[in-house]
C-alpha cells in the first residue's frame, strides 16, 4: 500500500547558511528499512526539483533508525540573504513528509495517522 513519509517517520531540520539539514527518523526499525531503501539522496533531490541547487548527501544512522540529508544550495543564499521566507530548513523538512512510500500492510500497526 502507498502511504506518505509522515505515516512512517517524523523529521527534524535545521539550516546553516545556504545548506539545509533534514533528518528523517523512522517510527520503528522495520519502517527505517523501508525509508532507507526508498528515499535515496537522488530521490530526495528530485522531490525538491527547482528548489535545491546543489548536491544532496545522505548519511545513515541505523542505530537511531534515522537518515540525514544535507542539501547544499537549498536556501536561496541563506536566511539573511534570501527573500524566499518559506524556504528555510523547517519548511523543507515539513514538505518531505508528503513523499510517497510503498509499505506492506503487515507494518500498518507501526505507522502513525493512518
N, C-alpha and C. Protein backbone atom coordinates (compact mmCIF):
# COMPACT_ATOMS: atom_id res chain seq x y z
N UNK A 1 0.84 -1.17 0.00
CA UNK A 1 0.00 0.00 0.00
C UNK A 1 0.89 1.24 0.00
N UNK A 2 0.35 2.31 -0.57
CA UNK A 2 1.13 3.54 -0.60
C UNK A 2 0.70 4.44 0.55
N UNK A 3 1.68 4.95 1.29
CA UNK A 3 1.45 5.89 2.38
C UNK A 3 2.39 7.07 2.14
N UNK A 4 2.33 8.05 3.00
CA UNK A 4 3.29 9.14 2.90
C UNK A 4 4.34 8.98 3.99
N UNK A 5 5.43 9.66 3.81
CA UNK A 5 6.52 9.58 4.78
C UNK A 5 6.04 9.92 6.19
N UNK A 6 5.08 10.84 6.31
CA UNK A 6 4.57 11.23 7.64
C UNK A 6 3.96 10.04 8.39
N UNK A 7 3.53 9.01 7.67
CA UNK A 7 2.95 7.83 8.32
C UNK A 7 4.01 6.91 8.91
N UNK A 8 5.25 7.01 8.43
CA UNK A 8 6.29 6.08 8.86
C UNK A 8 7.46 6.74 9.58
N UNK A 9 7.48 8.09 9.59
CA UNK A 9 8.62 8.79 10.20
C UNK A 9 8.25 10.21 10.57
N UNK A 10 9.10 10.81 11.37
CA UNK A 10 8.99 12.25 11.62
C UNK A 10 10.33 12.88 11.22
N UNK A 11 10.35 14.20 11.15
CA UNK A 11 11.56 14.89 10.70
C UNK A 11 12.00 15.96 11.70
N UNK A 12 13.27 16.24 11.66
CA UNK A 12 13.88 17.37 12.37
C UNK A 12 14.73 18.08 11.34
N UNK A 13 14.81 19.38 11.45
CA UNK A 13 15.56 20.10 10.43
C UNK A 13 16.27 21.30 11.02
N UNK A 14 17.21 21.78 10.24
CA UNK A 14 17.94 22.97 10.61
C UNK A 14 18.60 23.54 9.37
N UNK A 15 19.08 24.74 9.50
CA UNK A 15 19.76 25.34 8.36
C UNK A 15 20.97 26.12 8.84
N UNK A 16 21.94 26.18 7.97
CA UNK A 16 23.18 26.92 8.23
C UNK A 16 23.60 27.53 6.91
N UNK A 17 23.50 28.83 6.82
CA UNK A 17 23.83 29.48 5.56
C UNK A 17 22.88 29.02 4.47
N UNK A 18 23.44 28.51 3.40
CA UNK A 18 22.65 28.07 2.25
C UNK A 18 22.41 26.56 2.27
N UNK A 19 22.70 25.90 3.38
CA UNK A 19 22.59 24.45 3.48
C UNK A 19 21.49 24.07 4.46
N UNK A 20 20.63 23.15 4.03
CA UNK A 20 19.58 22.62 4.89
C UNK A 20 19.96 21.21 5.32
N UNK A 21 19.74 20.90 6.58
CA UNK A 21 19.97 19.55 7.11
C UNK A 21 18.62 19.03 7.59
N UNK A 22 18.20 17.92 7.02
CA UNK A 22 16.90 17.35 7.36
C UNK A 22 17.10 15.90 7.77
N UNK A 23 16.70 15.59 8.99
CA UNK A 23 16.79 14.22 9.50
C UNK A 23 15.41 13.58 9.43
N UNK A 24 15.36 12.37 8.91
CA UNK A 24 14.14 11.59 8.82
C UNK A 24 14.29 10.44 9.80
N UNK A 25 13.43 10.38 10.81
CA UNK A 25 13.55 9.39 11.88
C UNK A 25 12.34 8.46 11.83
N UNK A 26 12.60 7.18 11.58
CA UNK A 26 11.52 6.19 11.45
C UNK A 26 10.91 5.87 12.81
N UNK A 27 9.66 5.44 12.77
CA UNK A 27 8.96 5.06 13.99
C UNK A 27 9.34 3.66 14.48
N UNK A 28 10.00 2.86 13.64
CA UNK A 28 10.42 1.52 14.05
C UNK A 28 11.56 1.06 13.15
N UNK A 29 12.31 0.05 13.58
CA UNK A 29 13.39 -0.46 12.73
C UNK A 29 12.89 -0.98 11.37
N UNK A 30 11.73 -1.61 11.35
CA UNK A 30 11.19 -2.12 10.09
C UNK A 30 10.83 -0.98 9.13
N UNK A 31 10.27 0.09 9.68
CA UNK A 31 9.93 1.23 8.86
C UNK A 31 11.19 1.96 8.38
N UNK A 32 12.24 1.94 9.20
CA UNK A 32 13.51 2.52 8.79
C UNK A 32 14.03 1.85 7.53
N UNK A 33 13.92 0.53 7.47
CA UNK A 33 14.40 -0.20 6.30
C UNK A 33 13.65 0.23 5.04
N UNK A 34 12.34 0.44 5.16
CA UNK A 34 11.56 0.92 4.00
C UNK A 34 12.07 2.27 3.54
N UNK A 35 12.27 3.17 4.48
CA UNK A 35 12.73 4.51 4.15
C UNK A 35 14.13 4.47 3.55
N UNK A 36 15.00 3.69 4.16
CA UNK A 36 16.38 3.59 3.68
C UNK A 36 16.43 3.10 2.23
N UNK A 37 15.56 2.15 1.89
CA UNK A 37 15.53 1.62 0.53
C UNK A 37 14.90 2.59 -0.47
N UNK A 38 13.91 3.34 -0.04
CA UNK A 38 13.11 4.12 -0.99
C UNK A 38 13.46 5.61 -1.07
N UNK A 39 14.06 6.16 -0.03
CA UNK A 39 14.37 7.60 -0.04
C UNK A 39 15.88 7.80 -0.16
N UNK A 40 16.35 7.77 -1.39
CA UNK A 40 17.77 7.96 -1.67
C UNK A 40 18.07 9.46 -1.75
N UNK A 41 19.33 9.80 -1.78
CA UNK A 41 19.72 11.20 -1.95
C UNK A 41 19.21 11.74 -3.28
N UNK A 42 19.26 10.91 -4.32
CA UNK A 42 18.79 11.33 -5.64
C UNK A 42 17.29 11.61 -5.63
N UNK A 43 16.52 10.73 -5.00
CA UNK A 43 15.07 10.92 -4.94
C UNK A 43 14.71 12.11 -4.06
N UNK A 44 15.46 12.30 -2.99
CA UNK A 44 15.24 13.46 -2.12
C UNK A 44 15.43 14.74 -2.93
N UNK A 45 16.53 14.83 -3.68
CA UNK A 45 16.80 16.00 -4.50
C UNK A 45 15.74 16.20 -5.58
N UNK A 46 15.31 15.11 -6.21
CA UNK A 46 14.29 15.21 -7.26
C UNK A 46 12.96 15.69 -6.70
N UNK A 47 12.66 15.33 -5.46
CA UNK A 47 11.42 15.78 -4.82
C UNK A 47 11.38 17.30 -4.73
N UNK A 48 12.55 17.91 -4.56
CA UNK A 48 12.67 19.36 -4.45
C UNK A 48 13.17 20.00 -5.74
N UNK A 49 12.90 19.38 -6.86
CA UNK A 49 13.39 19.89 -8.15
C UNK A 49 13.09 21.38 -8.29
N UNK A 50 14.12 22.14 -8.63
CA UNK A 50 13.98 23.58 -8.79
C UNK A 50 14.17 24.37 -7.51
N UNK A 51 14.27 23.68 -6.39
CA UNK A 51 14.46 24.36 -5.09
C UNK A 51 15.89 24.19 -4.60
N UNK A 52 16.39 22.96 -4.68
CA UNK A 52 17.75 22.67 -4.22
C UNK A 52 18.69 22.78 -5.41
N UNK A 53 19.62 23.73 -5.35
CA UNK A 53 20.52 23.99 -6.47
C UNK A 53 21.80 23.15 -6.41
N UNK A 54 22.18 22.67 -5.24
CA UNK A 54 23.43 21.94 -5.08
C UNK A 54 23.20 20.46 -4.83
N UNK A 55 24.27 19.77 -4.47
CA UNK A 55 24.17 18.34 -4.22
C UNK A 55 23.46 18.02 -2.91
N UNK A 56 22.92 16.81 -2.86
CA UNK A 56 22.30 16.28 -1.64
C UNK A 56 23.12 15.07 -1.21
N UNK A 57 23.51 15.05 0.05
CA UNK A 57 24.26 13.93 0.60
C UNK A 57 23.41 13.28 1.68
N UNK A 58 23.37 11.95 1.68
CA UNK A 58 22.60 11.21 2.69
C UNK A 58 23.54 10.49 3.64
N UNK A 59 23.28 10.62 4.92
CA UNK A 59 24.02 9.91 5.95
C UNK A 59 23.05 8.98 6.67
N UNK A 60 23.51 7.76 6.97
CA UNK A 60 22.66 6.79 7.65
C UNK A 60 23.08 6.66 9.11
N UNK A 61 22.09 6.57 9.98
CA UNK A 61 22.31 6.32 11.40
C UNK A 61 21.39 5.17 11.81
N UNK A 62 21.76 3.93 11.44
CA UNK A 62 20.86 2.80 11.65
C UNK A 62 20.53 2.55 13.12
N UNK A 63 21.43 2.83 14.03
CA UNK A 63 21.14 2.64 15.45
C UNK A 63 20.06 3.58 15.96
N UNK A 64 19.85 4.66 15.25
CA UNK A 64 18.80 5.63 15.60
C UNK A 64 17.59 5.51 14.68
N UNK A 65 17.66 4.60 13.71
CA UNK A 65 16.63 4.48 12.67
C UNK A 65 16.41 5.82 11.99
N UNK A 66 17.51 6.47 11.60
CA UNK A 66 17.43 7.81 11.02
C UNK A 66 18.32 7.96 9.79
N UNK A 67 17.87 8.83 8.90
CA UNK A 67 18.66 9.26 7.76
C UNK A 67 18.80 10.77 7.86
N UNK A 68 19.97 11.29 7.55
CA UNK A 68 20.12 12.73 7.50
C UNK A 68 20.50 13.12 6.08
N UNK A 69 19.80 14.13 5.58
CA UNK A 69 20.05 14.67 4.25
C UNK A 69 20.62 16.06 4.40
N UNK A 70 21.76 16.28 3.76
CA UNK A 70 22.39 17.60 3.75
C UNK A 70 22.24 18.12 2.33
N UNK A 71 21.45 19.19 2.20
CA UNK A 71 21.13 19.76 0.89
C UNK A 71 21.81 21.11 0.74
N UNK A 72 22.81 21.15 -0.12
CA UNK A 72 23.53 22.40 -0.37
C UNK A 72 22.80 23.22 -1.42
N UNK A 73 22.87 24.53 -1.28
CA UNK A 73 22.20 25.40 -2.23
C UNK A 73 20.69 25.31 -2.14
N UNK A 74 20.18 25.09 -0.93
CA UNK A 74 18.75 24.86 -0.75
C UNK A 74 17.99 26.06 -0.21
N UNK A 75 18.70 27.08 0.23
CA UNK A 75 18.02 28.15 0.97
C UNK A 75 18.16 29.52 0.34
N UNK A 76 18.35 29.55 -0.97
CA UNK A 76 18.39 30.84 -1.67
C UNK A 76 19.46 31.77 -1.16
N UNK A 77 20.60 31.22 -0.74
CA UNK A 77 21.69 32.05 -0.23
C UNK A 77 21.76 32.09 1.28
N UNK A 78 20.74 31.62 1.95
CA UNK A 78 20.71 31.62 3.41
C UNK A 78 19.64 32.54 3.95
N UNK A 79 19.32 32.35 5.20
CA UNK A 79 18.23 33.09 5.83
C UNK A 79 18.41 34.59 5.74
N UNK A 80 19.62 35.07 5.95
CA UNK A 80 19.84 36.52 5.96
C UNK A 80 19.97 37.12 4.56
N UNK A 81 20.09 36.29 3.53
CA UNK A 81 20.27 36.80 2.16
C UNK A 81 19.07 36.55 1.26
N UNK A 82 18.14 35.72 1.67
CA UNK A 82 17.06 35.30 0.79
C UNK A 82 15.75 36.03 1.07
N UNK A 83 15.00 36.26 0.03
CA UNK A 83 13.65 36.79 0.18
C UNK A 83 12.62 35.67 0.15
N UNK A 84 13.08 34.41 0.03
CA UNK A 84 12.18 33.25 -0.01
C UNK A 84 11.92 32.80 1.42
N UNK A 85 11.07 33.48 2.12
CA UNK A 85 10.85 33.23 3.54
C UNK A 85 10.30 31.85 3.85
N UNK A 86 9.64 31.22 2.91
CA UNK A 86 9.08 29.89 3.17
C UNK A 86 10.07 28.77 2.87
N UNK A 87 11.28 29.08 2.55
CA UNK A 87 12.20 28.09 2.04
C UNK A 87 13.34 27.76 3.01
N UNK A 88 13.10 27.86 4.28
CA UNK A 88 14.13 27.51 5.25
C UNK A 88 14.04 26.03 5.58
N UNK A 89 14.98 25.54 6.36
CA UNK A 89 15.06 24.12 6.67
C UNK A 89 13.77 23.52 7.19
N UNK A 90 13.06 24.21 8.05
CA UNK A 90 11.82 23.66 8.62
C UNK A 90 10.75 23.48 7.55
N UNK A 91 10.65 24.41 6.61
CA UNK A 91 9.68 24.27 5.53
C UNK A 91 10.04 23.09 4.63
N UNK A 92 11.32 22.92 4.34
CA UNK A 92 11.74 21.79 3.52
C UNK A 92 11.49 20.48 4.25
N UNK A 93 11.76 20.45 5.54
CA UNK A 93 11.51 19.25 6.34
C UNK A 93 10.04 18.89 6.37
N UNK A 94 9.21 19.88 6.50
CA UNK A 94 7.76 19.64 6.51
C UNK A 94 7.29 19.10 5.17
N UNK A 95 7.82 19.63 4.09
CA UNK A 95 7.39 19.22 2.75
C UNK A 95 7.71 17.76 2.46
N UNK A 96 8.87 17.27 2.91
CA UNK A 96 9.26 15.90 2.58
C UNK A 96 8.32 14.88 3.21
N UNK A 97 7.56 15.27 4.20
CA UNK A 97 6.60 14.35 4.83
C UNK A 97 5.53 13.88 3.85
N UNK A 98 5.38 14.56 2.72
CA UNK A 98 4.42 14.15 1.69
C UNK A 98 5.02 13.13 0.71
N UNK A 99 6.28 12.79 0.86
CA UNK A 99 6.94 11.85 -0.04
C UNK A 99 6.23 10.48 0.03
N UNK A 100 5.93 9.87 -1.12
CA UNK A 100 5.23 8.58 -1.10
C UNK A 100 6.16 7.41 -0.77
N UNK A 101 5.67 6.52 0.06
CA UNK A 101 6.40 5.32 0.47
C UNK A 101 5.50 4.10 0.23
N UNK A 102 6.08 3.07 -0.36
CA UNK A 102 5.36 1.79 -0.50
C UNK A 102 5.64 0.96 0.75
N UNK A 103 4.57 0.53 1.40
CA UNK A 103 4.72 -0.22 2.65
C UNK A 103 3.80 -1.43 2.64
N UNK A 104 4.27 -2.55 3.16
CA UNK A 104 3.39 -3.72 3.27
C UNK A 104 2.34 -3.50 4.37
N UNK A 105 1.16 -4.03 4.15
CA UNK A 105 0.08 -3.86 5.13
C UNK A 105 0.44 -4.45 6.49
N UNK A 106 1.32 -5.43 6.53
CA UNK A 106 1.69 -6.06 7.80
C UNK A 106 2.37 -5.08 8.76
N UNK A 107 2.87 -3.94 8.25
CA UNK A 107 3.53 -2.94 9.10
C UNK A 107 2.59 -1.81 9.50
N UNK A 108 1.34 -1.91 9.13
CA UNK A 108 0.39 -0.84 9.38
C UNK A 108 0.28 -0.50 10.88
N UNK A 109 0.41 -1.47 11.75
CA UNK A 109 0.29 -1.20 13.19
C UNK A 109 1.47 -0.40 13.75
N UNK A 110 2.54 -0.23 12.97
CA UNK A 110 3.69 0.56 13.40
C UNK A 110 3.64 1.99 12.86
N UNK A 111 2.65 2.26 12.03
CA UNK A 111 2.55 3.56 11.38
C UNK A 111 1.70 4.52 12.20
N UNK A 112 1.82 5.80 11.88
CA UNK A 112 1.04 6.85 12.54
C UNK A 112 0.03 7.45 11.56
N UNK A 113 -1.03 7.97 12.10
CA UNK A 113 -2.03 8.76 11.35
C UNK A 113 -2.56 8.04 10.12
N UNK A 114 -2.89 6.80 10.25
CA UNK A 114 -3.46 6.04 9.11
C UNK A 114 -4.95 6.30 9.03
